[in-house]
Amino acid sequence: MNGPAAWPPVYDDEYMPAPDQRYWFPKLETMAPGERDAFILARLRATVHWAWERSPFYREKWTRAGVHPDHLRRLEDLRRFPVLTKDELRAEQAAHPPAGRYACIDPADVARVHGTSGTTGKPTMFLIGRDDWRRIANAHARIMWGMGLRPGDTIFIASFFSLYIGSWGVLAGGERLRAACFPFGAGQPGQTLRAVRWLLETRPAAFYGTPSYALHLAEVAASERVDPRDFGLRVMFFSGEPGAGIPGTRRRIEEVFGAACLDSGSMAEMTPWMSNGECAYRSGMHLWQDLVYCEVCDPQTFEPVDYGREGTPVYTHLERTSQPMIRLLSGDLTRWTDEPCECGRTYPRLPRGIYGRIDDMCVIRGANVYPSAIEDTLRTIDGFGGEFQVVISRERAMDELVVRAEYSAEVARRAATAPDLLRALRERITVRLAVTLGIRPIVRCEPPGTLPRTEFKARRVLDNRSLYETALAGADERAGCPRRGTPDQS
């Protein structure tokens, strides 16, 4: 790598630590906090000046907020800069197609185009420069090294190779690590069954995908009378959803596959997205702050919270020259700590990972309900089959929480001659969830295979409360009553 103060950094693509070395860059990864803050500030100032000089979007945004790159004298000054939202990025790209006015590099320097699917609105385009893609590969290789992966390991990548950048980021990092990468993919009919066969044939050291897909893969293997431990996996690392950071899900994956389960991932816009990534000691995701600077902030004020407090991550690129994100608001929920990790790295950590989103939190009869808390509780209960769905409904103006939980194949077999078994399981789940959530849910035990599976990010929450309001409005209209919440004009 060029000098510590040089920006943008240039990495030696031939560099490789000794296999028994714990750290890719020992000095960077074990810096004292004060020394690291100075390192981050130098990179931060360079990034902010780069964006100011090359992006009318950022110049206009910061001028409206009354800030300038020269105001960034201390690390604490970053909080003076306004947060950036995904809605702003979409609006900018719509007003200045196709990619907005924050690319910050010449079109000829773009090496990769990725984006969102656009299922909830206009797709967002991601542009990545050639030099940035090399830096991303180096960053991911370094973090995967910390996970325990080494040159010569085979990495089985069981995720979509399309717009989704997660799979491509793993491939880039794995190739830089000089691992053997198997870009198997996902999403085609019958592909999971083929994955079982290929995993048995290749016996890779590592697996990448989503936690929900790994559990689905284990189900398919069991249906073929294959023990997932026979895949020979040593490391399974995940992104895309909270599962790998949920203790119950992590335990289940490790028990079924006999491999270490590691969590990673921030946001696609923040690639190198592995900058939130666990090490081999599995004590929560490290924030690799010299790559992407993360502040955990109050969701209302966007001021950083103290260590030990809950907040939402706000991310800033420190190495990107193409589409640098500066104080991008994630909308996720986490809690951070500066307590030491056994690995010796001195980065802050997210001990429970990213455990939800602000807009995923449901308020049911005054209680804050997180899907991750439901999942963690269910996975500790004997007889739970591994898949669940949360349905929020409203009846007679009262919110109801319905948890549909599949029971295991063993419970299904025994219930044929012991009908009280399902009733006991339902009551056990109800009591445990009531203790965790503070409200008593309605639990429905479903036969194995009832609920939908996914090869990508699981969607387990259905909020049907709007159906109740729509039905009420329709009934009022038919009865000739004014709409609820509006004054009677008669």
Protein backbone atom coordinates (compact mmCIF):
# COMPACT_ATOMS: atom_id res chain seq x y z
CA MET A 1 0.00 0.00 0.00
CA ASN A 2 1.16 3.55 -0.66
CA GLY A 3 1.85 5.82 2.32
CA PRO A 4 -0.70 5.97 5.16
CA ALA A 5 -1.65 9.56 4.32
CA ALA A 6 -1.93 8.95 0.56
CA TRP A 7 -5.41 9.14 -0.93
CA PRO A 8 -6.87 7.36 -2.76
CA PRO A 9 -4.92 4.36 -1.49
CA VAL A 10 -3.14 2.08 -3.95
CA TYR A 11 -2.70 -1.54 -2.89
CA ASP A 12 -0.09 -4.03 -4.00
CA ASP A 13 -2.15 -6.81 -5.60
CA GLU A 14 0.75 -9.22 -5.15
CA TYR A 15 0.87 -8.76 -1.39
CA MET A 16 -0.14 -11.77 0.71
CA PRO A 17 0.50 -12.31 4.43
CA ALA A 18 2.04 -15.54 5.69
CA PRO A 19 -0.71 -18.16 6.18
CA ASP A 20 -0.22 -18.26 9.95
CA GLN A 21 -0.41 -14.48 10.31
CA ARG A 22 -3.58 -13.37 12.08
CA TYR A 23 -3.81 -9.94 10.47
CA TRP A 24 -3.68 -8.85 6.85
CA PHE A 25 -2.37 -5.41 7.88
CA PRO A 26 -1.23 -5.74 11.51
CA LYS A 27 -0.61 -2.02 12.12
CA LEU A 28 -3.93 -0.84 10.71
CA GLU A 29 -5.97 -3.49 12.48
CA THR A 30 -4.46 -3.01 15.93
CA MET A 31 -4.06 0.78 16.06
CA ALA A 32 -4.75 2.61 19.29
CA PRO A 33 -8.09 4.47 19.02
CA GLY A 34 -6.51 7.94 18.99
CA GLU A 35 -4.06 7.00 16.25
CA ARG A 36 -6.84 5.46 14.21
CA ASP A 37 -9.01 8.56 14.58
CA ALA A 38 -6.21 10.66 13.07
CA PHE A 39 -5.86 8.16 10.20
CA ILE A 40 -9.63 8.21 9.59
CA LEU A 41 -9.76 12.01 9.68
CA ALA A 42 -7.08 12.30 6.98
CA ARG A 43 -8.99 9.95 4.70
CA LEU A 44 -12.28 11.59 5.53
CA ARG A 45 -11.07 15.06 4.64
CA ALA A 46 -9.69 13.79 1.33
CA THR A 47 -13.00 12.05 0.51
CA VAL A 48 -15.12 15.10 1.38
CA HIS A 49 -12.92 17.45 -0.66
CA TRP A 50 -13.05 15.02 -3.61
CA ALA A 51 -16.86 14.97 -3.49
CA TRP A 52 -17.10 18.77 -3.14
CA GLU A 53 -14.88 19.36 -6.16
CA ARG A 54 -16.53 16.80 -8.44
CA SER A 55 -20.19 16.58 -7.40
CA PRO A 56 -22.74 19.39 -7.85
CA PHE A 57 -25.13 17.21 -5.83
CA TYR A 58 -22.94 17.29 -2.73
CA ARG A 59 -21.98 20.97 -3.18
CA GLU A 60 -25.64 21.97 -3.29
CA LYS A 61 -26.62 19.74 -0.37
CA TRP A 62 -23.82 20.94 1.89
CA THR A 63 -24.23 24.59 0.91
CA ARG A 64 -27.90 24.41 1.93
CA ALA A 65 -26.77 22.94 5.27
CA GLY A 66 -24.13 25.65 5.73
CA VAL A 67 -21.14 23.30 5.77
CA HIS A 68 -17.94 23.14 3.75
CA PRO A 69 -15.09 20.59 3.62
CA ASP A 70 -12.86 23.09 5.45
CA HIS A 71 -15.16 22.79 8.48
CA LEU A 72 -13.94 19.23 8.94
CA ARG A 73 -11.11 19.90 11.40
CA ARG A 74 -11.86 17.14 13.92
CA LEU A 75 -13.58 13.79 13.54
CA GLU A 76 -16.45 15.12 15.64
CA ASP A 77 -17.11 17.78 12.98
CA LEU A 78 -18.51 15.14 10.64
CA ARG A 79 -21.81 15.26 12.52
CA ARG A 80 -22.28 18.81 11.22
CA PHE A 81 -22.74 17.37 7.73
CA PRO A 82 -26.33 16.31 6.98
CA VAL A 83 -27.17 12.64 6.58
CA LEU A 84 -27.87 11.29 3.12
CA THR A 85 -30.94 9.13 2.46
CA LYS A 86 -31.78 6.56 -0.18
CA ASP A 87 -34.77 8.68 -1.19
CA GLU A 88 -32.41 11.56 -1.98
CA LEU A 89 -30.27 9.29 -4.16
CA ARG A 90 -33.33 8.06 -6.06
CA ALA A 91 -34.63 11.61 -6.54
CA GLU A 92 -31.22 12.79 -7.76
CA GLN A 93 -31.00 9.99 -10.31
CA ALA A 94 -34.56 10.68 -11.48
CA ALA A 95 -33.80 14.38 -11.92
CA HIS A 96 -30.40 13.77 -13.54
CA PRO A 97 -30.54 10.38 -15.26
CA PRO A 98 -29.18 7.87 -15.35
CA ALA A 99 -26.88 8.03 -12.32
CA GLY A 100 -27.26 11.49 -10.79
CA ARG A 101 -24.56 14.09 -10.22
CA TYR A 102 -22.49 12.27 -7.63
CA ALA A 103 -20.52 9.79 -9.76
CA CYS A 104 -17.35 11.87 -9.17
CA ILE A 105 -15.41 10.07 -11.93
CA ASP A 106 -15.38 10.23 -15.72
CA PRO A 107 -17.74 7.81 -17.50
CA ALA A 108 -14.73 6.21 -19.19
CA ASP A 109 -13.41 5.16 -15.76
CA VAL A 110 -16.54 3.18 -14.81
CA ALA A 111 -15.80 -0.54 -14.62
CA ARG A 112 -19.02 -1.96 -13.20
CA VAL A 113 -22.71 -1.05 -13.13
CA HIS A 114 -24.93 -2.59 -10.47
CA GLY A 115 -28.21 -1.53 -8.94
CA THR A 116 -31.36 -2.28 -7.03
CA SER A 117 -34.20 -4.34 -8.46
CA GLY A 118 -36.67 -1.45 -8.31
CA THR A 119 -39.44 -3.62 -6.86
CA THR A 120 -40.57 -0.76 -4.59
CA GLY A 121 -39.89 2.12 -6.96
CA LYS A 122 -37.36 3.44 -9.46
CA PRO A 123 -34.17 1.33 -9.48
CA THR A 124 -31.00 2.93 -8.11
CA MET A 125 -27.88 2.67 -10.24
CA PHE A 126 -24.48 1.97 -8.70
CA LEU A 127 -21.34 2.94 -10.65
CA ILE A 128 -17.95 1.62 -9.56
CA GLY A 129 -14.64 2.76 -11.03
CA ARG A 130 -11.84 0.42 -12.06
CA ASP A 131 -9.48 1.50 -9.31
CA ASP A 132 -12.29 1.32 -6.76
CA TRP A 133 -13.10 -2.26 -7.77
CA ARG A 134 -9.49 -3.23 -7.05
CA ARG A 135 -9.71 -1.51 -3.66
CA ILE A 136 -12.98 -3.32 -2.94
CA ALA A 137 -11.36 -6.67 -3.80
CA ASN A 138 -8.46 -5.89 -1.47
CA ALA A 139 -10.79 -4.81 1.34
CA HIS A 140 -12.93 -7.95 1.08
CA ALA A 141 -9.87 -10.21 0.87
CA ARG A 142 -8.53 -8.62 4.03
CA ILE A 143 -11.81 -9.12 5.91
CA MET A 144 -12.21 -12.70 4.64
CA TRP A 145 -8.66 -13.34 5.87
CA GLY A 146 -9.87 -12.23 9.29
CA MET A 147 -12.68 -14.77 9.02
CA GLY A 148 -10.08 -17.51 8.69
CA LEU A 149 -10.08 -18.02 4.92
CA ARG A 150 -6.75 -18.58 3.17
CA PRO A 151 -5.33 -18.97 -0.35
CA GLY A 152 -6.32 -22.31 -1.83
CA ASP A 153 -9.61 -22.56 0.06
CA THR A 154 -12.68 -23.14 -2.10
CA ILE A 155 -15.56 -20.69 -1.59
CA PHE A 156 -19.02 -21.86 -2.68
CA ILE A 157 -21.02 -18.71 -3.56
CA ALA A 158 -24.71 -19.63 -3.35
CA SER A 159 -26.34 -16.31 -4.12
CA PHE A 160 -27.69 -14.43 -7.12
CA PHE A 161 -25.27 -13.17 -9.77
CA SER A 162 -27.37 -10.32 -11.14
CA LEU A 163 -27.98 -6.75 -10.01
CA TYR A 164 -27.31 -7.88 -6.41
CA ILE A 165 -23.77 -6.81 -5.60
CA GLY A 166 -23.23 -9.13 -2.63
CA SER A 167 -22.22 -12.15 -4.71
CA TRP A 168 -19.91 -10.10 -6.92
CA GLY A 169 -18.18 -8.60 -3.89
CA VAL A 170 -17.48 -12.05 -2.46
CA LEU A 171 -16.16 -13.21 -5.83
CA ALA A 172 -13.84 -10.20 -6.10
CA GLY A 173 -12.52 -10.66 -2.57
CA GLY A 174 -12.13 -14.41 -2.95
CA GLU A 175 -10.15 -14.06 -6.17
CA ARG A 176 -7.88 -11.44 -4.59
CA LEU A 177 -7.38 -13.86 -1.69
CA ARG A 178 -6.32 -16.44 -4.29
CA ALA A 179 -9.07 -18.77 -3.18
CA ALA A 180 -10.82 -21.09 -5.61
CA CYS A 181 -14.22 -19.45 -6.16
CA PHE A 182 -17.25 -21.47 -7.22
CA PRO A 183 -19.87 -18.88 -8.35
CA PHE A 184 -22.73 -21.37 -8.12
CA GLY A 185 -25.51 -18.79 -7.95
CA ALA A 186 -29.12 -19.29 -6.90
CA GLY A 187 -32.68 -18.85 -8.04
CA GLN A 188 -33.06 -21.39 -10.86
CA PRO A 189 -35.56 -24.26 -10.56
CA GLY A 190 -33.92 -27.28 -9.00
CA GLN A 191 -30.73 -25.34 -8.19
CA THR A 192 -30.80 -26.10 -4.47
CA LEU A 193 -30.89 -29.83 -5.13
CA ARG A 194 -27.96 -29.40 -7.52
CA ALA A 195 -26.17 -27.40 -4.80
CA VAL A 196 -26.43 -30.40 -2.47
CA ARG A 197 -24.77 -32.61 -5.07
CA TRP A 198 -22.04 -30.10 -5.91
CA LEU A 199 -21.25 -29.46 -2.26
CA LEU A 200 -20.79 -33.19 -1.72
CA GLU A 201 -18.53 -33.38 -4.77
CA THR A 202 -16.37 -30.33 -4.10
CA ARG A 203 -16.36 -30.24 -0.26
CA PRO A 204 -15.50 -26.51 -0.18
CA ALA A 205 -13.95 -24.81 2.82
CA ALA A 206 -16.43 -21.92 2.80
CA PHE A 207 -20.02 -21.09 1.86
CA TYR A 208 -21.59 -17.68 1.21
CA GLY A 209 -25.31 -16.90 0.95
CA THR A 210 -28.14 -15.76 3.21
CA PRO A 211 -28.90 -17.54 6.52
CA SER A 212 -32.45 -18.39 5.43
CA TYR A 213 -31.11 -20.02 2.27
CA ALA A 214 -28.59 -22.06 4.27
CA LEU A 215 -31.44 -23.44 6.41
CA HIS A 216 -33.46 -24.17 3.26
CA LEU A 217 -30.44 -25.95 1.79
CA ALA A 218 -30.23 -28.09 4.94
CA GLU A 219 -33.90 -29.05 4.53
CA VAL A 220 -33.37 -30.09 0.92
CA ALA A 221 -30.28 -32.08 1.90
CA ALA A 222 -32.26 -33.87 4.62
CA SER A 223 -34.98 -34.73 2.11
CA GLU A 224 -32.26 -36.43 0.06
CA ARG A 225 -30.96 -38.19 3.18
CA VAL A 226 -27.75 -36.16 3.04
CA ASP A 227 -26.14 -34.90 6.25
CA PRO A 228 -25.01 -31.26 5.64
CA ARG A 229 -21.94 -31.98 7.77
CA ASP A 230 -20.75 -34.18 4.92
CA PHE A 231 -20.22 -31.03 2.83
CA GLY A 232 -17.03 -30.51 4.85
CA LEU A 233 -17.57 -26.77 5.30
CA ARG A 234 -15.32 -24.94 7.76
CA VAL A 235 -16.65 -21.38 7.46
CA MET A 236 -20.10 -20.13 6.47
CA PHE A 237 -20.40 -16.37 6.11
CA PHE A 238 -23.57 -14.48 5.36
CA SER A 239 -25.10 -11.12 4.54
CA GLY A 240 -28.42 -9.72 3.35
CA GLU A 241 -30.50 -10.38 6.48
CA PRO A 242 -30.02 -10.46 10.27
CA GLY A 243 -30.03 -14.26 10.77
CA ALA A 244 -26.30 -14.88 11.23
CA GLY A 245 -26.24 -12.41 14.13
CA ILE A 246 -29.27 -13.94 15.87
CA PRO A 247 -27.96 -16.39 18.50
CA GLY A 248 -30.63 -19.05 17.90
CA THR A 249 -30.18 -19.00 14.13
CA ARG A 250 -26.40 -19.03 14.44
CA ARG A 251 -26.56 -22.06 16.76
CA ARG A 252 -28.90 -23.87 14.39
CA ILE A 253 -26.64 -23.30 11.37
CA GLU A 254 -23.53 -24.37 13.27
CA GLU A 255 -25.23 -27.50 14.61
CA VAL A 256 -26.62 -28.56 11.24
CA PHE A 257 -23.52 -27.88 9.12
CA GLY A 258 -20.75 -28.32 11.69
CA ALA A 259 -19.16 -25.06 10.46
CA ALA A 260 -18.47 -21.65 11.97
CA CYS A 261 -21.25 -19.14 11.19
CA LEU A 262 -20.05 -15.56 10.60
CA ASP A 263 -22.04 -12.39 10.02
CA SER A 264 -21.20 -9.57 7.61
CA GLY A 265 -22.74 -6.80 5.58
CA SER A 266 -23.74 -3.14 5.60
CA MET A 267 -25.47 -1.77 2.47
CA ALA A 268 -25.00 -2.29 -1.26
CA GLU A 269 -24.37 1.45 -1.67
CA MET A 270 -21.52 1.14 0.84
CA THR A 271 -19.50 -1.48 -1.05
CA PRO A 272 -17.02 -2.70 0.19
CA TRP A 273 -20.09 -3.89 2.09
CA MET A 274 -18.07 -6.40 4.17
CA SER A 275 -16.68 -3.48 6.19
CA ASN A 276 -19.13 -4.72 8.82
CA GLY A 277 -17.63 -8.18 9.21
CA GLU A 278 -16.93 -10.71 11.92
CA CYS A 279 -13.57 -12.26 12.60
CA ALA A 280 -12.91 -15.93 13.35
CA TYR A 281 -13.70 -15.36 17.04
CA ARG A 282 -17.37 -14.64 16.19
CA SER A 283 -18.02 -11.99 18.84
CA GLY A 284 -19.98 -9.64 16.60
CA MET A 285 -19.19 -7.72 13.43
CA HIS A 286 -16.10 -5.52 13.53
CA LEU A 287 -16.50 -2.06 12.04
CA TRP A 288 -13.42 -1.88 9.80
CA GLN A 289 -13.32 1.88 10.30
CA ASP A 290 -10.31 2.61 8.08
CA LEU A 291 -12.30 1.33 5.06
CA VAL A 292 -15.80 2.65 5.78
CA TYR A 293 -16.36 4.95 8.74
CA CYS A 294 -19.47 4.03 10.71
CA GLU A 295 -21.23 6.20 13.28
CA VAL A 296 -24.04 4.59 15.28
CA CYS A 297 -26.48 7.46 15.64
CA ASP A 298 -29.70 8.44 17.34
CA PRO A 299 -32.45 7.81 14.73
CA GLN A 300 -34.01 11.22 15.40
CA THR A 301 -31.06 13.58 15.81
CA PHE A 302 -28.43 11.63 13.82
CA GLU A 303 -25.91 12.45 16.55
CA PRO A 304 -23.57 9.55 17.42
CA VAL A 305 -24.65 7.66 20.55
CA ASP A 306 -22.33 6.42 23.28
CA TYR A 307 -20.92 2.89 23.14
CA GLY A 308 -23.41 0.46 24.62
CA ARG A 309 -26.40 2.38 23.24
CA GLU A 310 -28.75 1.42 20.40
CA GLY A 311 -28.90 3.44 17.21
CA THR A 312 -28.83 3.37 13.45
CA PRO A 313 -25.57 3.07 11.46
CA VAL A 314 -24.56 6.06 9.34
CA TYR A 315 -21.80 5.20 6.87
CA THR A 316 -19.09 7.17 5.06
CA HIS A 317 -16.72 5.81 2.41
CA LEU A 318 -13.03 6.38 3.03
CA GLU A 319 -11.55 4.79 -0.12
CA ARG A 320 -14.14 5.27 -2.87
CA THR A 321 -13.64 7.83 -5.64
CA SER A 322 -16.76 6.69 -7.57
CA GLN A 323 -20.14 7.48 -6.02
CA PRO A 324 -18.68 8.11 -2.56
CA MET A 325 -21.39 7.92 0.09
CA ILE A 326 -20.94 10.48 2.86
CA ARG A 327 -23.09 10.01 5.97
CA LEU A 328 -25.49 7.60 4.28
CA LEU A 329 -28.36 6.74 6.64
CA SER A 330 -28.95 3.00 6.81
CA GLY A 331 -32.24 2.81 8.71
CA ASP A 332 -30.94 -0.37 10.40
CA LEU A 333 -30.84 -1.01 14.13
CA THR A 334 -27.82 -2.09 16.13
CA ARG A 335 -25.88 -1.56 19.34
CA TRP A 336 -22.13 -0.95 19.37
CA THR A 337 -19.29 -1.50 21.80
CA ASP A 338 -15.62 -0.65 22.09
CA GLU A 339 -14.89 -3.61 24.36
CA PRO A 340 -11.83 -5.60 23.20
CA CYS A 341 -12.19 -8.60 20.91
CA GLU A 342 -10.16 -11.72 21.59
CA CYS A 343 -8.65 -11.41 18.11
CA GLY A 344 -6.74 -8.28 19.15
CA ARG A 345 -8.26 -5.95 16.56
CA THR A 346 -9.14 -2.59 18.05
CA TYR A 347 -12.17 -1.74 15.91
CA PRO A 348 -15.57 -1.11 17.51
CA ARG A 349 -17.96 -4.06 17.21
CA LEU A 350 -21.66 -4.77 16.79
CA PRO A 351 -22.05 -7.68 19.28
CA ARG A 352 -25.54 -8.60 18.03
CA GLY A 353 -24.91 -7.54 14.44
CA ILE A 354 -27.63 -5.69 12.55
CA TYR A 355 -30.73 -7.05 14.24
CA GLY A 356 -33.46 -5.19 12.42
CA ARG A 357 -34.61 -2.08 10.65
CA ILE A 358 -36.37 0.91 12.11
CA ASP A 359 -39.26 0.33 9.71
CA ASP A 360 -39.33 -3.41 10.62
CA MET A 361 -40.06 -2.66 14.25
CA CYS A 362 -43.77 -3.16 14.87
CA VAL A 363 -45.64 -1.48 17.69
CA ILE A 364 -48.30 -3.91 18.90
CA ARG A 365 -50.51 -2.66 21.73
CA GLY A 366 -47.72 -0.37 22.89
CA ALA A 367 -44.96 -3.00 22.78
CA ASN A 368 -41.99 -2.73 20.40
CA VAL A 369 -41.77 -6.04 18.54
CA TYR A 370 -38.72 -7.03 16.49
CA PRO A 371 -38.88 -10.01 14.10
CA SER A 372 -35.34 -10.96 15.14
CA ALA A 373 -36.47 -11.41 18.75
CA ILE A 374 -39.23 -13.76 17.58
CA GLU A 375 -36.77 -15.76 15.48
CA ASP A 376 -34.22 -16.06 18.29
CA THR A 377 -36.89 -17.32 20.70
CA LEU A 378 -38.39 -19.84 18.28
CA ARG A 379 -35.02 -21.39 17.50
CA THR A 380 -34.52 -22.29 21.16
CA ILE A 381 -37.73 -24.34 21.32
CA ASP A 382 -37.64 -28.11 20.78
CA GLY A 383 -40.10 -29.10 18.11
CA PHE A 384 -39.81 -25.88 16.07
CA GLY A 385 -39.31 -26.81 12.44
CA GLY A 386 -37.17 -23.86 11.35
CA GLU A 387 -39.56 -21.65 9.35
CA PHE A 388 -42.01 -19.02 10.60
CA GLN A 389 -44.12 -16.08 9.52
CA VAL A 390 -45.38 -13.09 11.47
CA VAL A 391 -48.80 -11.66 10.58
CA ILE A 392 -49.98 -8.42 12.16
CA SER A 393 -53.69 -7.84 11.88
CA ARG A 394 -56.36 -5.66 13.46
CA GLU A 395 -59.71 -6.85 14.68
CA ARG A 396 -62.23 -4.68 16.52
CA ALA A 397 -59.64 -1.86 16.62
CA MET A 398 -57.16 -4.07 18.52
CA ASP A 399 -53.80 -5.06 17.02
CA GLU A 400 -53.12 -8.78 17.01
CA LEU A 401 -49.79 -10.54 16.53
CA VAL A 402 -50.09 -13.93 14.83
CA VAL A 403 -47.03 -16.16 14.67
CA ARG A 404 -47.23 -19.07 12.24
CA ALA A 405 -44.54 -21.56 13.19
CA GLU A 406 -43.81 -24.82 11.42
CA TYR A 407 -43.25 -27.83 13.63
CA SER A 408 -40.53 -30.37 12.93
CA ALA A 409 -40.88 -33.59 10.95
CA GLU A 410 -40.34 -35.51 14.19
CA VAL A 411 -43.25 -33.69 15.85
CA ALA A 412 -45.40 -34.40 12.79
CA ARG A 413 -44.60 -38.11 13.05
CA ARG A 414 -45.37 -38.28 16.76
CA ALA A 415 -48.50 -36.10 16.55
CA ALA A 416 -50.21 -38.75 14.42
CA THR A 417 -50.66 -40.86 17.58
CA ALA A 418 -50.42 -38.10 20.21
CA PRO A 419 -52.80 -35.28 19.27
CA ASP A 420 -52.07 -33.32 22.46
CA LEU A 421 -48.47 -32.86 21.32
CA LEU A 422 -49.27 -29.94 19.00
CA ARG A 423 -51.41 -28.27 21.64
CA ALA A 424 -48.53 -28.47 24.12
CA LEU A 425 -46.07 -27.14 21.55
CA ARG A 426 -48.35 -24.23 20.72
CA GLU A 427 -48.70 -23.31 24.39
CA ARG A 428 -44.94 -23.59 24.96
CA ILE A 429 -44.24 -21.26 22.01
CA THR A 430 -46.94 -18.83 23.20
CA VAL A 431 -45.55 -18.61 26.73
CA ARG A 432 -41.93 -18.18 25.60
CA LEU A 433 -42.84 -15.46 23.08
CA ALA A 434 -45.00 -13.66 25.64
CA VAL A 435 -42.03 -13.50 28.01
CA THR A 436 -39.74 -12.20 25.25
CA LEU A 437 -42.12 -9.70 23.67
CA GLY A 438 -44.20 -8.50 26.59
CA ILE A 439 -47.48 -9.33 24.80
CA ARG A 440 -49.23 -12.64 24.23
CA PRO A 441 -49.29 -13.60 20.53
CA ILE A 442 -51.67 -15.92 18.73
CA VAL A 443 -49.61 -18.95 17.72
CA ARG A 444 -50.55 -21.28 14.90
CA CYS A 445 -48.52 -24.46 14.49
CA GLU A 446 -48.19 -25.35 10.81
CA PRO A 447 -47.13 -28.66 9.19
CA PRO A 448 -43.60 -28.89 7.76
CA GLY A 449 -43.29 -27.30 4.30
CA THR A 450 -46.34 -25.02 4.68
CA LEU A 451 -44.57 -21.66 4.62
CA PRO A 452 -42.66 -20.28 1.63
CA ARG A 453 -38.89 -20.76 1.33
CA THR A 454 -36.45 -18.38 -0.30
CA GLU A 455 -33.05 -18.48 -1.93
CA PHE A 456 -32.52 -14.81 -1.16
CA LYS A 457 -33.60 -12.51 1.67
CA ALA A 458 -36.43 -13.92 3.76
CA ARG A 459 -39.59 -11.79 4.09
CA ARG A 460 -41.28 -13.06 7.21
CA VAL A 461 -43.51 -10.16 8.31
CA LEU A 462 -46.94 -9.40 6.86
CA ASP A 463 -48.63 -6.30 8.24
CA ASN A 464 -52.31 -6.53 7.34
CA ARG A 465 -53.55 -3.71 9.56
CA SER A 466 -54.26 -1.54 6.52
CA LEU A 467 -56.81 -4.13 5.35
CA TYR A 468 -58.83 -3.47 8.51
CA GLU A 469 -58.77 0.28 7.91
CA THR A 470 -59.76 -0.21 4.26
CA ALA A 471 -62.63 -2.46 5.28
CA LEU A 472 -63.82 0.10 7.84
CA ALA A 473 -63.65 2.90 5.29
CA GLY A 474 -65.65 0.81 2.84
CA ALA A 475 -68.27 0.00 5.44
CA ASP A 476 -68.56 3.68 6.43
CA GLU A 477 -68.91 4.72 2.81
CA ARG A 478 -71.64 2.17 2.20
CA ALA A 479 -73.44 3.41 5.33
CA GLY A 480 -73.14 7.04 4.27
CA CYS A 481 -70.84 7.93 7.22
CA PRO A 482 -67.96 10.41 7.03
CA ARG A 483 -64.48 8.90 6.75
CA ARG A 484 -62.82 8.17 10.05
CA GLY A 485 -60.39 10.85 11.12
CA THR A 486 -62.19 13.53 9.04
CA PRO A 487 -64.68 16.08 10.40
CA ASP A 488 -68.39 15.71 9.72
CA GLN A 489 -69.27 18.57 7.35
CA SER A 490 -73.02 18.26 7.79
